[in-house]
């Protein structure tokens, strides 16, 4: 079974043969069993699936090792499942924290946007008022220019037309 990269180790049961191959002696012959006779009350090797003599302890050692290996594998699988659950909880917790922080950041951004919008609005209002004042001053300046131009024209016309005194002086009356 595999869950998001976590795999469980399965060990197939090992079948041991009832008999070990006979050992080879230096001469190349197979040694003969010293005791071919069955003692009363003993069980034949094929009936108990255990070999007589030193092989019986080997058989029990192998069984013990198989059990320990299976226990280790089960412990490893349990540990992996715990690790997977821990990582899942960590991921979920992290997602929630990131989501909360994102919401707080978004809220803070909107507060900053609102504050900046108020400042921009105030400055735009000030700018509009100053532009209106500039337009008013421009109109006054145009009126002053027109007045100065009219006065200048009047002065120029008057300087070209001789006054009564100038007329009388030219005529020799003075």
N, C-alpha and C. Protein backbone atom coordinates (compact mmCIF):
# COMPACT_ATOMS: atom_id res chain seq x y z
N UNK A 1 0.85 -1.16 0.00
CA UNK A 1 0.00 0.00 0.00
C UNK A 1 0.90 1.22 0.00
N UNK A 2 0.54 2.26 -0.77
CA UNK A 2 1.38 3.46 -0.85
C UNK A 2 0.49 4.68 -0.70
N UNK A 3 0.91 5.60 0.18
CA UNK A 3 0.17 6.81 0.43
C UNK A 3 1.09 8.00 0.30
N UNK A 4 0.98 8.73 -0.77
CA UNK A 4 1.76 9.95 -0.97
C UNK A 4 3.22 9.76 -0.63
N UNK A 5 3.84 8.82 -1.24
CA UNK A 5 5.26 8.62 -1.04
C UNK A 5 5.60 7.77 0.17
N UNK A 6 4.63 7.33 0.92
CA UNK A 6 4.90 6.46 2.08
C UNK A 6 4.55 5.05 1.67
N UNK A 7 5.54 4.18 1.68
CA UNK A 7 5.27 2.80 1.28
C UNK A 7 5.51 1.89 2.47
N UNK A 8 4.71 0.86 2.53
CA UNK A 8 4.85 -0.10 3.61
C UNK A 8 5.66 -1.28 3.09
N UNK A 9 6.45 -1.83 3.97
CA UNK A 9 7.30 -2.96 3.61
C UNK A 9 6.54 -4.24 3.93
N UNK A 10 6.41 -5.08 2.96
CA UNK A 10 5.74 -6.36 3.20
C UNK A 10 6.76 -7.47 3.00
N UNK A 11 6.84 -8.35 3.95
CA UNK A 11 7.78 -9.46 3.87
C UNK A 11 6.98 -10.73 3.65
N UNK A 12 7.23 -11.41 2.55
CA UNK A 12 6.49 -12.65 2.34
C UNK A 12 7.00 -13.71 3.31
N UNK A 13 6.12 -14.58 3.75
CA UNK A 13 6.57 -15.63 4.67
C UNK A 13 7.57 -16.55 3.98
N UNK A 14 8.60 -16.91 4.71
CA UNK A 14 9.66 -17.76 4.16
C UNK A 14 9.38 -19.19 4.60
N UNK A 15 9.39 -20.07 3.66
CA UNK A 15 9.18 -21.48 4.00
C UNK A 15 10.55 -22.15 4.08
N UNK A 16 10.77 -22.79 5.18
CA UNK A 16 12.02 -23.52 5.35
C UNK A 16 11.77 -24.96 4.99
N UNK A 17 12.72 -25.53 4.34
CA UNK A 17 12.61 -26.94 4.01
C UNK A 17 12.79 -27.76 5.28
N UNK A 18 12.21 -28.91 5.29
CA UNK A 18 12.29 -29.76 6.47
C UNK A 18 13.71 -30.23 6.73
N UNK A 19 14.49 -30.36 5.70
CA UNK A 19 15.84 -30.89 5.90
C UNK A 19 16.86 -29.96 5.28
N UNK A 20 17.96 -29.85 5.94
CA UNK A 20 19.09 -29.10 5.43
C UNK A 20 19.88 -30.03 4.52
N UNK A 21 20.56 -29.52 3.52
CA UNK A 21 21.39 -30.39 2.70
C UNK A 21 22.52 -30.95 3.55
N UNK A 22 22.87 -32.17 3.31
CA UNK A 22 23.93 -32.78 4.13
C UNK A 22 25.26 -32.10 3.88
N UNK A 23 26.05 -32.02 4.95
CA UNK A 23 27.35 -31.39 4.86
C UNK A 23 28.31 -32.32 4.13
N UNK A 24 29.26 -31.76 3.44
CA UNK A 24 30.23 -32.55 2.69
C UNK A 24 31.50 -32.65 3.52
N UNK A 25 32.00 -33.85 3.65
CA UNK A 25 33.21 -34.09 4.41
C UNK A 25 34.39 -33.94 3.47
N UNK A 26 35.58 -33.83 4.00
CA UNK A 26 36.76 -33.63 3.18
C UNK A 26 36.93 -34.72 2.13
N UNK A 27 36.53 -35.90 2.43
CA UNK A 27 36.74 -36.99 1.48
C UNK A 27 35.73 -36.94 0.34
N UNK A 28 34.74 -36.08 0.44
CA UNK A 28 33.77 -35.97 -0.62
C UNK A 28 32.55 -36.82 -0.37
N UNK A 29 32.55 -37.60 0.69
CA UNK A 29 31.40 -38.43 1.00
C UNK A 29 30.48 -37.71 1.95
N UNK A 30 29.21 -38.06 1.92
CA UNK A 30 28.26 -37.48 2.86
C UNK A 30 28.38 -38.20 4.17
N UNK A 31 28.41 -37.48 5.27
CA UNK A 31 28.53 -38.17 6.56
C UNK A 31 27.25 -38.93 6.85
N UNK A 32 27.41 -39.98 7.54
CA UNK A 32 26.25 -40.79 7.89
C UNK A 32 25.80 -40.42 9.28
N UNK A 33 24.53 -40.45 9.48
CA UNK A 33 23.96 -40.09 10.76
C UNK A 33 24.39 -41.12 11.79
N UNK A 34 24.79 -40.62 12.95
CA UNK A 34 25.28 -41.52 13.98
C UNK A 34 24.14 -42.30 14.62
N UNK A 35 22.98 -41.70 14.72
CA UNK A 35 21.89 -42.36 15.42
C UNK A 35 20.72 -42.52 14.46
N UNK A 36 20.56 -43.72 13.89
CA UNK A 36 19.46 -43.97 12.97
C UNK A 36 18.27 -44.55 13.69
N UNK A 37 18.47 -44.92 14.88
CA UNK A 37 17.39 -45.55 15.59
C UNK A 37 16.59 -44.50 16.33
N UNK A 38 15.29 -44.72 16.41
CA UNK A 38 14.45 -43.79 17.13
C UNK A 38 14.33 -44.26 18.55
N UNK A 39 14.45 -43.33 19.43
CA UNK A 39 14.31 -43.67 20.84
C UNK A 39 12.84 -43.69 21.17
N UNK A 40 12.44 -44.48 22.14
CA UNK A 40 11.03 -44.53 22.48
C UNK A 40 10.55 -43.16 22.97
N UNK A 41 9.39 -42.75 22.50
CA UNK A 41 8.80 -41.48 22.88
C UNK A 41 9.24 -40.33 22.00
N UNK A 42 10.19 -40.54 21.12
CA UNK A 42 10.61 -39.46 20.24
C UNK A 42 9.73 -39.44 19.00
N UNK A 43 9.69 -38.30 18.37
CA UNK A 43 8.84 -38.12 17.19
C UNK A 43 9.74 -38.08 15.98
N UNK A 44 9.26 -38.63 14.91
CA UNK A 44 10.04 -38.65 13.67
C UNK A 44 10.21 -37.22 13.16
N UNK A 45 11.33 -36.91 12.52
CA UNK A 45 11.59 -35.53 12.07
C UNK A 45 10.52 -35.04 11.10
N UNK A 46 9.96 -35.81 10.27
CA UNK A 46 8.98 -35.34 9.30
C UNK A 46 7.66 -35.00 9.98
N UNK A 47 7.35 -35.59 11.12
CA UNK A 47 6.10 -35.35 11.81
C UNK A 47 6.13 -34.02 12.56
N UNK A 48 7.29 -33.60 13.09
CA UNK A 48 7.35 -32.37 13.89
C UNK A 48 7.91 -31.19 13.10
N UNK A 49 8.38 -31.38 11.93
CA UNK A 49 8.98 -30.35 11.07
C UNK A 49 10.22 -29.75 11.69
N UNK A 50 10.83 -30.43 12.63
CA UNK A 50 12.06 -29.95 13.21
C UNK A 50 13.08 -31.05 13.08
N UNK A 51 14.27 -30.60 12.84
CA UNK A 51 15.35 -31.56 12.71
C UNK A 51 15.92 -31.86 14.08
N UNK A 52 16.33 -33.07 14.30
CA UNK A 52 16.92 -33.40 15.60
C UNK A 52 18.31 -32.81 15.73
N UNK A 53 18.73 -32.63 16.91
CA UNK A 53 20.09 -32.19 17.16
C UNK A 53 20.26 -30.70 17.09
N UNK A 54 21.41 -30.25 16.59
CA UNK A 54 21.72 -28.82 16.59
C UNK A 54 20.82 -28.01 15.65
N UNK A 55 20.15 -28.63 14.69
CA UNK A 55 19.31 -27.91 13.74
C UNK A 55 18.00 -27.43 14.38
N UNK A 56 17.59 -28.06 15.45
CA UNK A 56 16.35 -27.63 16.09
C UNK A 56 16.52 -26.24 16.69
N UNK A 57 17.68 -25.94 17.28
CA UNK A 57 17.91 -24.61 17.82
C UNK A 57 18.06 -23.59 16.68
N UNK A 58 18.62 -24.02 15.56
CA UNK A 58 18.74 -23.15 14.38
C UNK A 58 17.35 -22.81 13.85
N UNK A 59 16.47 -23.80 13.84
CA UNK A 59 15.10 -23.59 13.40
C UNK A 59 14.39 -22.57 14.29
N UNK A 60 14.55 -22.72 15.59
CA UNK A 60 13.90 -21.78 16.50
C UNK A 60 14.54 -20.39 16.38
N UNK A 61 15.84 -20.32 16.14
CA UNK A 61 16.51 -19.03 15.94
C UNK A 61 15.99 -18.35 14.69
N UNK A 62 15.78 -19.11 13.64
CA UNK A 62 15.26 -18.53 12.39
C UNK A 62 13.85 -18.02 12.62
N UNK A 63 13.03 -18.77 13.31
CA UNK A 63 11.67 -18.33 13.61
C UNK A 63 11.69 -17.06 14.45
N UNK A 64 12.58 -17.02 15.44
CA UNK A 64 12.71 -15.83 16.28
C UNK A 64 13.14 -14.63 15.44
N UNK A 65 14.11 -14.84 14.57
CA UNK A 65 14.58 -13.75 13.69
C UNK A 65 13.47 -13.28 12.77
N UNK A 66 12.68 -14.24 12.23
CA UNK A 66 11.56 -13.88 11.35
C UNK A 66 10.55 -13.03 12.10
N UNK A 67 10.24 -13.43 13.35
CA UNK A 67 9.29 -12.68 14.15
C UNK A 67 9.83 -11.29 14.47
N UNK A 68 11.09 -11.20 14.83
CA UNK A 68 11.69 -9.90 15.13
C UNK A 68 11.72 -9.01 13.89
N UNK A 69 12.05 -9.61 12.74
CA UNK A 69 12.07 -8.84 11.49
C UNK A 69 10.67 -8.33 11.17
N UNK A 70 9.66 -9.19 11.34
CA UNK A 70 8.29 -8.77 11.07
C UNK A 70 7.86 -7.67 12.04
N UNK A 71 8.26 -7.79 13.32
CA UNK A 71 7.95 -6.74 14.30
C UNK A 71 8.62 -5.42 13.91
N UNK A 72 9.87 -5.49 13.48
CA UNK A 72 10.58 -4.29 13.04
C UNK A 72 9.88 -3.64 11.85
N UNK A 73 9.47 -4.47 10.91
CA UNK A 73 8.78 -3.95 9.73
C UNK A 73 7.46 -3.30 10.13
N UNK A 74 6.73 -3.94 11.05
CA UNK A 74 5.48 -3.35 11.52
C UNK A 74 5.73 -2.04 12.25
N UNK A 75 6.80 -2.00 13.06
CA UNK A 75 7.16 -0.76 13.76
C UNK A 75 7.52 0.34 12.76
N UNK A 76 8.27 -0.02 11.73
CA UNK A 76 8.63 0.96 10.69
C UNK A 76 7.38 1.49 10.02
N UNK A 77 6.46 0.58 9.66
CA UNK A 77 5.22 1.01 9.00
C UNK A 77 4.38 1.89 9.92
N UNK A 78 4.29 1.55 11.20
CA UNK A 78 3.55 2.38 12.15
C UNK A 78 4.21 3.75 12.27
N UNK A 79 5.54 3.75 12.33
CA UNK A 79 6.28 5.01 12.41
C UNK A 79 6.03 5.86 11.17
N UNK A 80 6.01 5.23 10.02
CA UNK A 80 5.74 5.96 8.77
C UNK A 80 4.32 6.53 8.78
N UNK A 81 3.37 5.76 9.28
CA UNK A 81 2.00 6.26 9.34
C UNK A 81 1.90 7.44 10.30
N UNK A 82 2.62 7.36 11.44
CA UNK A 82 2.64 8.48 12.38
C UNK A 82 3.28 9.70 11.75
N UNK A 83 4.39 9.49 11.03
CA UNK A 83 5.07 10.59 10.34
C UNK A 83 4.15 11.21 9.30
N UNK A 84 3.44 10.37 8.56
CA UNK A 84 2.51 10.87 7.55
C UNK A 84 1.40 11.70 8.20
N UNK A 85 0.86 11.20 9.31
CA UNK A 85 -0.18 11.94 10.03
C UNK A 85 0.37 13.26 10.55
N UNK A 86 1.60 13.22 11.08
CA UNK A 86 2.24 14.44 11.58
C UNK A 86 2.43 15.45 10.46
N UNK A 87 2.91 15.01 9.32
CA UNK A 87 3.12 15.91 8.19
C UNK A 87 1.79 16.46 7.68
N UNK A 88 0.76 15.63 7.67
CA UNK A 88 -0.56 16.09 7.24
C UNK A 88 -1.07 17.18 8.19
N UNK A 89 -0.94 16.94 9.49
CA UNK A 89 -1.35 17.94 10.47
C UNK A 89 -0.52 19.21 10.33
N UNK A 90 0.78 19.05 10.13
CA UNK A 90 1.66 20.21 9.96
C UNK A 90 1.26 21.01 8.73
N UNK A 91 1.01 20.31 7.62
CA UNK A 91 0.61 20.97 6.38
C UNK A 91 -0.71 21.73 6.58
N UNK A 92 -1.68 21.08 7.23
CA UNK A 92 -2.96 21.74 7.47
C UNK A 92 -2.80 22.95 8.36
N UNK A 93 -2.00 22.81 9.41
CA UNK A 93 -1.74 23.93 10.31
C UNK A 93 -1.04 25.07 9.58
N UNK A 94 -0.08 24.73 8.75
CA UNK A 94 0.65 25.73 7.99
C UNK A 94 -0.27 26.44 7.01
N UNK A 95 -1.15 25.68 6.36
CA UNK A 95 -2.12 26.29 5.43
C UNK A 95 -3.01 27.29 6.17
N UNK A 96 -3.46 26.92 7.36
CA UNK A 96 -4.33 27.82 8.12
C UNK A 96 -3.58 29.09 8.51
N UNK A 97 -2.33 28.93 8.95
CA UNK A 97 -1.55 30.10 9.35
C UNK A 97 -1.26 31.00 8.16
N UNK A 98 -0.92 30.40 7.03
CA UNK A 98 -0.65 31.19 5.82
C UNK A 98 -1.92 31.91 5.39
N UNK A 99 -3.04 31.23 5.47
CA UNK A 99 -4.32 31.84 5.10
C UNK A 99 -4.63 33.02 6.02
N UNK A 100 -4.43 32.83 7.32
CA UNK A 100 -4.66 33.93 8.27
C UNK A 100 -3.74 35.11 7.99
N UNK A 101 -2.47 34.82 7.77
CA UNK A 101 -1.52 35.90 7.48
C UNK A 101 -1.86 36.61 6.18
N UNK A 102 -2.32 35.86 5.20
CA UNK A 102 -2.70 36.46 3.92
C UNK A 102 -3.89 37.39 4.11
N UNK A 103 -4.87 36.96 4.90
CA UNK A 103 -6.03 37.81 5.16
C UNK A 103 -5.61 39.08 5.90
N UNK A 104 -4.72 38.95 6.90
CA UNK A 104 -4.25 40.12 7.63
C UNK A 104 -3.49 41.07 6.71
N UNK A 105 -2.65 40.50 5.86
CA UNK A 105 -1.89 41.33 4.92
C UNK A 105 -2.82 42.06 3.96
N UNK A 106 -3.82 41.34 3.46
CA UNK A 106 -4.78 41.95 2.55
C UNK A 106 -5.54 43.08 3.24
N UNK A 107 -5.95 42.84 4.48
CA UNK A 107 -6.65 43.87 5.25
C UNK A 107 -5.76 45.09 5.45
N UNK A 108 -4.51 44.85 5.78
CA UNK A 108 -3.56 45.95 5.98
C UNK A 108 -3.34 46.73 4.68
N UNK A 109 -3.26 46.01 3.58
CA UNK A 109 -3.09 46.68 2.28
C UNK A 109 -4.28 47.60 2.00
N UNK A 110 -5.50 47.14 2.28
CA UNK A 110 -6.68 47.97 2.04
C UNK A 110 -6.69 49.19 2.96
N UNK A 111 -6.19 49.03 4.19
CA UNK A 111 -6.07 50.19 5.09
C UNK A 111 -5.09 51.22 4.53
N UNK A 112 -3.97 50.73 4.03
CA UNK A 112 -2.97 51.63 3.45
C UNK A 112 -3.54 52.31 2.21
N UNK A 113 -4.24 51.53 1.36
CA UNK A 113 -4.87 52.10 0.17
C UNK A 113 -5.87 53.19 0.57
N UNK A 114 -6.67 52.93 1.58
CA UNK A 114 -7.66 53.90 2.04
C UNK A 114 -6.97 55.17 2.53
N UNK A 115 -5.92 55.00 3.33
CA UNK A 115 -5.18 56.16 3.84
C UNK A 115 -4.59 56.97 2.69
N UNK A 116 -3.97 56.30 1.74
CA UNK A 116 -3.38 57.01 0.60
C UNK A 116 -4.46 57.69 -0.24
N UNK A 117 -5.60 57.05 -0.38
CA UNK A 117 -6.69 57.66 -1.15
C UNK A 117 -7.15 58.95 -0.50
N UNK A 118 -7.23 58.96 0.84
CA UNK A 118 -7.62 60.19 1.55
C UNK A 118 -6.60 61.29 1.31
N UNK A 119 -5.32 60.94 1.41
CA UNK A 119 -4.26 61.94 1.19
C UNK A 119 -4.33 62.48 -0.24
N UNK A 120 -4.50 61.59 -1.20
CA UNK A 120 -4.58 62.01 -2.60
C UNK A 120 -5.79 62.91 -2.80
N UNK A 121 -6.92 62.54 -2.20
CA UNK A 121 -8.14 63.34 -2.33
C UNK A 121 -7.94 64.74 -1.76
N UNK A 122 -7.30 64.82 -0.58
CA UNK A 122 -7.03 66.13 0.03
C UNK A 122 -6.13 66.98 -0.87
N UNK A 123 -5.10 66.36 -1.41
CA UNK A 123 -4.17 67.11 -2.27
C UNK A 123 -4.83 67.53 -3.58
N UNK A 124 -5.68 66.68 -4.11
CA UNK A 124 -6.41 67.06 -5.32
C UNK A 124 -7.34 68.24 -5.04
N UNK A 125 -7.97 68.24 -3.88
CA UNK A 125 -8.85 69.34 -3.51
C UNK A 125 -8.04 70.63 -3.38
N UNK A 126 -6.89 70.55 -2.71
CA UNK A 126 -6.01 71.71 -2.59
C UNK A 126 -5.57 72.20 -3.97
N UNK A 127 -5.22 71.27 -4.82
CA UNK A 127 -4.78 71.61 -6.18
C UNK A 127 -5.91 72.31 -6.94
N UNK A 128 -7.12 71.80 -6.82
CA UNK A 128 -8.27 72.41 -7.49
C UNK A 128 -8.50 73.83 -6.98
N UNK A 129 -8.40 74.02 -5.67
CA UNK A 129 -8.58 75.36 -5.10
C UNK A 129 -7.50 76.31 -5.60
N UNK A 130 -6.25 75.85 -5.64
CA UNK A 130 -5.16 76.70 -6.12
C UNK A 130 -5.32 77.03 -7.59
N UNK A 131 -5.77 76.06 -8.38
CA UNK A 131 -6.01 76.33 -9.80
C UNK A 131 -7.13 77.35 -9.99
N UNK A 132 -8.17 77.27 -9.17
CA UNK A 132 -9.26 78.26 -9.24
C UNK A 132 -8.74 79.64 -8.87
N UNK A 133 -7.87 79.72 -7.85
CA UNK A 133 -7.29 81.01 -7.44
C UNK A 133 -6.39 81.56 -8.56
N UNK A 134 -5.62 80.66 -9.19
CA UNK A 134 -4.76 81.08 -10.31
C UNK A 134 -5.62 81.62 -11.44
N UNK A 135 -6.73 80.96 -11.76
CA UNK A 135 -7.63 81.44 -12.82
C UNK A 135 -8.20 82.81 -12.45
N UNK A 136 -8.57 83.02 -11.19
CA UNK A 136 -9.10 84.31 -10.74
C UNK A 136 -8.03 85.39 -10.87
N UNK A 137 -6.81 85.07 -10.41
CA UNK A 137 -5.71 86.05 -10.52
C UNK A 137 -5.38 86.35 -11.97
N UNK A 138 -5.48 85.35 -12.82
CA UNK A 138 -5.22 85.55 -14.24
C UNK A 138 -6.25 86.51 -14.84
N UNK A 139 -7.51 86.35 -14.45
CA UNK A 139 -8.56 87.25 -14.94
C UNK A 139 -8.32 88.67 -14.45
N UNK A 140 -7.93 88.83 -13.16
CA UNK A 140 -7.63 90.16 -12.62
C UNK A 140 -6.46 90.79 -13.36
N UNK A 141 -5.44 89.95 -13.65
CA UNK A 141 -4.27 90.45 -14.36
C UNK A 141 -4.65 90.93 -15.76
N UNK A 142 -5.53 90.19 -16.42
CA UNK A 142 -5.99 90.61 -17.75
C UNK A 142 -6.74 91.95 -17.66
N UNK A 143 -7.55 92.10 -16.61
CA UNK A 143 -8.28 93.37 -16.43
C UNK A 143 -7.31 94.51 -16.18
N UNK A 144 -6.29 94.25 -15.35
CA UNK A 144 -5.29 95.29 -15.08
C UNK A 144 -4.56 95.65 -16.36
N UNK A 145 -4.21 94.61 -17.16
CA UNK A 145 -3.53 94.86 -18.43
C UNK A 145 -4.41 95.69 -19.36
N UNK A 146 -5.67 95.38 -19.40
CA UNK A 146 -6.60 96.13 -20.26
C UNK A 146 -6.73 97.57 -19.77
N UNK A 147 -6.76 97.74 -18.45
CA UNK A 147 -6.86 99.09 -17.88
C UNK A 147 -5.60 99.88 -18.21
N UNK A 148 -4.45 99.25 -18.04
CA UNK A 148 -3.17 99.93 -18.35
C UNK A 148 -3.13 100.28 -19.83
N UNK A 149 -3.59 99.35 -20.65
CA UNK A 149 -3.60 99.61 -22.10
C UNK A 149 -4.52 100.77 -22.44
N UNK A 150 -5.67 100.83 -21.81
CA UNK A 150 -6.62 101.93 -22.06
C UNK A 150 -6.01 103.25 -21.60
N UNK A 151 -5.41 103.26 -20.42
CA UNK A 151 -4.79 104.49 -19.91
C UNK A 151 -3.66 104.92 -20.83
N UNK A 152 -2.86 103.98 -21.30
CA UNK A 152 -1.75 104.30 -22.19
C UNK A 152 -2.26 104.90 -23.49
N UNK A 153 -3.31 104.28 -24.03
CA UNK A 153 -3.89 104.80 -25.26
C UNK A 153 -4.43 106.20 -25.06
N UNK A 154 -5.12 106.42 -23.92
CA UNK A 154 -5.65 107.74 -23.62
C UNK A 154 -4.52 108.76 -23.49
N UNK A 155 -3.43 108.36 -22.89
CA UNK A 155 -2.29 109.27 -22.74
C UNK A 155 -1.67 109.59 -24.09
N UNK A 156 -1.60 108.58 -24.92
CA UNK A 156 -1.01 108.78 -26.24
C UNK A 156 -1.90 109.70 -27.08
N UNK A 157 -3.17 109.55 -27.00
CA UNK A 157 -4.09 110.37 -27.77
C UNK A 157 -4.05 111.81 -27.26
N UNK A 158 -3.99 111.96 -25.97
CA UNK A 158 -3.95 113.29 -25.39
C UNK A 158 -2.65 113.99 -25.73
N UNK A 159 -1.58 113.29 -25.83
CA UNK A 159 -0.31 113.93 -26.14
C UNK A 159 -0.27 114.37 -27.59
N UNK A 160 -1.04 113.74 -28.43
CA UNK A 160 -1.09 114.13 -29.83
C UNK A 160 -2.02 115.32 -30.03
N UNK A 161 -3.03 115.46 -29.25
CA UNK A 161 -3.97 116.57 -29.37
C UNK A 161 -3.45 117.72 -28.50
N UNK A 162 -3.25 118.90 -29.06
CA UNK A 162 -2.73 120.01 -28.25
C UNK A 162 -3.80 120.50 -27.27
N UNK A 163 -3.36 120.83 -26.14
CA UNK A 163 -4.26 121.35 -25.14
C UNK A 163 -4.60 122.79 -25.48
N UNK A 164 -5.54 123.36 -24.76
CA UNK A 164 -5.98 124.73 -24.98
C UNK A 164 -4.82 125.70 -24.79
N UNK A 165 -4.05 125.48 -23.82
CA UNK A 165 -2.93 126.35 -23.52
C UNK A 165 -1.90 126.26 -24.61
N UNK A 166 -1.68 124.98 -25.06
CA UNK A 166 -0.71 124.82 -26.14
C UNK A 166 -1.23 125.51 -27.39
N UNK A 167 -2.50 125.41 -27.62
CA UNK A 167 -3.11 126.03 -28.79
C UNK A 167 -2.99 127.56 -28.70
N UNK A 168 -3.26 128.08 -27.57
CA UNK A 168 -3.21 129.54 -27.37
C UNK A 168 -1.76 130.02 -27.48
N UNK A 169 -0.77 129.30 -27.02
CA UNK A 169 0.61 129.70 -27.07
C UNK A 169 1.08 129.75 -28.50
N UNK A 170 0.63 128.76 -29.29
CA UNK A 170 1.00 128.75 -30.69
C UNK A 170 0.35 129.89 -31.43
N UNK A 171 -0.82 130.21 -31.01
CA UNK A 171 -1.53 131.25 -31.72
C UNK A 171 -1.00 132.66 -31.29
N UNK A 172 -0.22 132.73 -30.31
CA UNK A 172 0.39 133.96 -29.90
C UNK A 172 -0.45 134.77 -28.97
N UNK A 173 -1.25 134.23 -28.33
CA UNK A 173 -2.09 134.99 -27.41
C UNK A 173 -1.43 135.17 -26.08
N UNK A 174 -0.51 134.48 -25.73
CA UNK A 174 0.06 134.62 -24.40
C UNK A 174 1.03 135.68 -24.32
